Amino acid sequence: MPDIRLLGRGEWLTLRDIRLSALRESPAAFLATYSRERDFGERRWRAEFDRGDWWVGDEQDALVSLLGVTREPGTPAHECYLEYMWVAPGRRHSGVALSMLITVLSRLRASGVRTVFLWVLDGNEAARNLYKRIGFVSSNHRQPLPGRPGRSEERMQLDLAEAGHRPEPPV
């Protein structure tokens, strides 16, 4: 399994490179686009660290996964969102995503976060099934995707404060 680590504020180039790789490789999985984000400058990439924390899976000096933990303005300190989950194609279906989620959720729980939300695109059943395996449930809130008629996403949530809740370890 890769080493799951938190990027430091000075690692904006690392964040840029892995996000652009994810957008290039899996354009349908994200609302952002490679053509838009490739033109972001240093200031914009550094601003991503103001939005939240960025975790990567590092395996033999190759970044193989990415996960963001963010908060919208006004979000209480005990709540956060997960976003931008991505695993490199050669490492999919190997437990990397599950390991990354368990590691990050454990750290969030230890820091006092009680509720975690995420949005999952309609049709992304692999992601939905992974999130359900961890314990995420539907919040019964859906929203249409801007600029994509007929497409929507669903908000899921996980109660980390629930007595006895522990994500299952990778198998």
Protein backbone atom coordinates (compact mmCIF):
# COMPACT_ATOMS: atom_id res chain seq x y z
CA MET A 1 0.00 0.00 0.00
CA PRO A 2 1.19 3.52 -0.63
CA ASP A 3 2.27 5.88 2.11
CA ILE A 4 -0.72 8.21 2.70
CA ARG A 5 0.58 11.66 3.52
CA LEU A 6 -0.66 15.21 3.88
CA LEU A 7 0.80 17.71 1.43
CA GLY A 8 2.43 20.74 3.00
CA ARG A 9 1.50 24.26 1.90
CA GLY A 10 4.77 24.53 -0.01
CA GLU A 11 3.93 21.47 -2.14
CA TRP A 12 1.61 23.34 -4.49
CA LEU A 13 3.53 21.99 -7.51
CA THR A 14 2.86 18.43 -6.32
CA LEU A 15 -0.85 19.20 -5.94
CA ARG A 16 -0.92 20.81 -9.38
CA ASP A 17 0.81 17.87 -11.04
CA ILE A 18 -1.38 15.16 -9.53
CA ARG A 19 -4.62 17.07 -10.12
CA LEU A 20 -3.72 17.73 -13.72
CA SER A 21 -2.84 14.05 -14.14
CA ALA A 22 -6.22 13.08 -12.69
CA LEU A 23 -8.09 15.51 -14.95
CA ARG A 24 -6.22 14.36 -18.04
CA GLU A 25 -6.72 10.67 -17.24
CA SER A 26 -10.32 10.75 -15.91
CA PRO A 27 -12.05 13.82 -17.38
CA ALA A 28 -15.59 12.49 -16.85
CA ALA A 29 -15.01 11.87 -13.14
CA PHE A 30 -14.70 15.54 -12.18
CA LEU A 31 -16.54 18.80 -12.66
CA ALA A 32 -13.22 20.61 -13.16
CA THR A 33 -11.41 20.35 -16.49
CA TYR A 34 -7.79 19.91 -17.47
CA SER A 35 -7.96 22.78 -19.98
CA ARG A 36 -9.14 25.18 -17.28
CA GLU A 37 -6.84 24.12 -14.43
CA ARG A 38 -3.64 23.77 -16.49
CA ASP A 39 -3.66 27.56 -16.86
CA PHE A 40 -3.88 28.23 -13.11
CA GLY A 41 -0.86 30.06 -11.77
CA GLU A 42 1.05 29.61 -8.55
CA ARG A 43 -1.27 31.92 -6.59
CA ARG A 44 -4.34 29.86 -7.55
CA TRP A 45 -2.67 26.55 -6.67
CA ARG A 46 -1.50 27.91 -3.33
CA ALA A 47 -5.09 29.04 -2.65
CA GLU A 48 -6.18 25.40 -2.74
CA PHE A 49 -4.44 24.99 0.61
CA ASP A 50 -6.64 27.77 2.02
CA ARG A 51 -9.69 25.68 1.04
CA GLY A 52 -8.45 22.58 2.82
CA ASP A 53 -5.99 19.73 3.15
CA TRP A 54 -4.72 17.58 0.30
CA TRP A 55 -3.68 13.98 0.85
CA VAL A 56 -1.70 11.85 -1.58
CA GLY A 57 -0.75 8.21 -1.80
CA ASP A 58 2.96 7.96 -2.46
CA GLU A 59 4.32 4.64 -3.66
CA GLN A 60 7.99 4.27 -4.52
CA ASP A 61 8.25 7.97 -5.38
CA ALA A 62 5.16 7.87 -7.61
CA LEU A 63 1.93 9.58 -6.60
CA VAL A 64 -0.90 7.09 -7.06
CA SER A 65 -3.86 8.73 -5.31
CA LEU A 66 -5.34 12.05 -4.25
CA LEU A 67 -8.04 13.13 -1.79
CA GLY A 68 -9.04 16.61 -0.67
CA VAL A 69 -10.60 17.55 2.69
CA THR A 70 -12.25 20.93 2.31
CA ARG A 71 -14.65 23.31 4.00
CA GLU A 72 -16.92 25.81 2.36
CA PRO A 73 -17.12 29.24 4.00
CA GLY A 74 -19.33 29.02 7.07
CA THR A 75 -18.91 25.25 7.48
CA PRO A 76 -18.67 24.36 11.18
CA ALA A 77 -15.28 23.06 12.37
CA HIS A 78 -16.79 19.62 13.10
CA GLU A 79 -17.90 19.15 9.47
CA CYS A 80 -15.97 18.82 6.22
CA TYR A 81 -16.21 17.59 2.66
CA LEU A 82 -14.14 15.02 0.85
CA GLU A 83 -13.47 15.81 -2.75
CA TYR A 84 -11.33 14.93 -5.69
CA MET A 85 -10.83 11.25 -4.88
CA TRP A 86 -8.63 9.76 -7.58
CA VAL A 87 -6.49 6.64 -7.94
CA ALA A 88 -4.04 6.04 -10.79
CA PRO A 89 -5.34 3.47 -13.30
CA GLY A 90 -2.65 0.88 -12.53
CA ARG A 91 -3.57 0.91 -8.83
CA ARG A 92 -7.36 0.77 -9.07
CA HIS A 93 -9.14 -2.21 -7.51
CA SER A 94 -6.13 -2.84 -5.28
CA GLY A 95 -7.39 -1.32 -2.03
CA VAL A 96 -5.61 2.03 -2.46
CA ALA A 97 -8.82 4.10 -2.37
CA LEU A 98 -10.15 2.21 0.65
CA SER A 99 -6.84 2.56 2.49
CA MET A 100 -6.70 6.27 1.72
CA LEU A 101 -10.27 6.84 2.92
CA ILE A 102 -9.74 4.90 6.14
CA THR A 103 -6.50 6.76 6.90
CA VAL A 104 -7.97 10.21 6.25
CA LEU A 105 -11.26 9.49 8.06
CA SER A 106 -9.36 8.21 11.10
CA ARG A 107 -7.32 11.42 11.22
CA LEU A 108 -10.46 13.52 10.81
CA ARG A 109 -12.19 11.67 13.67
CA ALA A 110 -9.14 12.19 15.90
CA SER A 111 -9.18 15.92 15.10
CA GLY A 112 -12.80 16.27 16.24
CA VAL A 113 -14.63 16.12 12.91
CA ARG A 114 -18.02 14.51 13.43
CA THR A 115 -19.68 14.67 10.00
CA VAL A 116 -18.13 14.18 6.58
CA PHE A 117 -19.92 14.93 3.32
CA LEU A 118 -19.07 14.24 -0.29
CA TRP A 119 -20.74 14.53 -3.68
CA VAL A 120 -20.84 11.56 -6.03
CA LEU A 121 -21.69 11.92 -9.71
CA ASP A 122 -24.61 9.92 -11.02
CA GLY A 123 -23.34 6.89 -12.86
CA ASN A 124 -20.16 6.56 -10.80
CA GLU A 125 -21.21 3.31 -9.17
CA ALA A 126 -17.66 2.25 -8.29
CA ALA A 127 -17.26 5.37 -6.14
CA ARG A 128 -20.76 5.07 -4.67
CA ASN A 129 -20.15 1.45 -3.68
CA LEU A 130 -16.79 2.31 -2.10
CA TYR A 131 -18.35 5.12 -0.06
CA LYS A 132 -21.22 2.87 1.07
CA ARG A 133 -18.70 0.24 2.15
CA ILE A 134 -17.07 2.84 4.40
CA GLY A 135 -20.47 3.77 5.87
CA PHE A 136 -21.55 6.80 3.85
CA VAL A 137 -25.31 7.09 3.31
CA SER A 138 -27.43 9.27 1.07
CA SER A 139 -28.40 12.64 2.51
CA ASN A 140 -31.36 12.66 0.09
CA HIS A 141 -29.98 15.83 -1.47
CA ARG A 142 -29.32 15.98 -5.20
CA GLN A 143 -28.29 18.83 -7.43
CA PRO A 144 -28.03 19.25 -11.19
CA LEU A 145 -24.58 19.66 -12.70
CA PRO A 146 -24.03 23.13 -14.14
CA GLY A 147 -23.61 23.04 -17.90
CA ARG A 148 -24.44 19.33 -18.10
CA PRO A 149 -28.15 18.95 -18.85
CA GLY A 150 -29.69 15.79 -17.42
CA ARG A 151 -26.71 15.06 -15.16
CA SER A 152 -26.69 15.40 -11.40
CA GLU A 153 -24.83 14.47 -8.27
CA GLU A 154 -25.88 13.20 -4.86
CA ARG A 155 -24.58 14.32 -1.50
CA MET A 156 -23.61 11.48 0.82
CA GLN A 157 -22.64 11.77 4.47
CA LEU A 158 -20.85 9.83 7.16
CA ASP A 159 -21.36 10.33 10.89
CA LEU A 160 -17.92 9.83 12.44
CA ALA A 161 -19.32 10.55 15.90
CA GLU A 162 -21.70 7.58 15.70
CA ALA A 163 -20.97 5.25 18.60
CA GLY A 164 -18.86 2.35 17.51
CA HIS A 165 -18.44 3.49 13.91
CA ARG A 166 -15.11 2.39 12.55
CA PRO A 167 -14.43 2.06 8.82
CA GLU A 168 -13.40 -1.46 7.99
CA PRO A 169 -9.71 -1.98 7.23
CA PRO A 170 -8.60 -2.94 3.71
CA VAL A 171 -8.91 -6.63 2.96
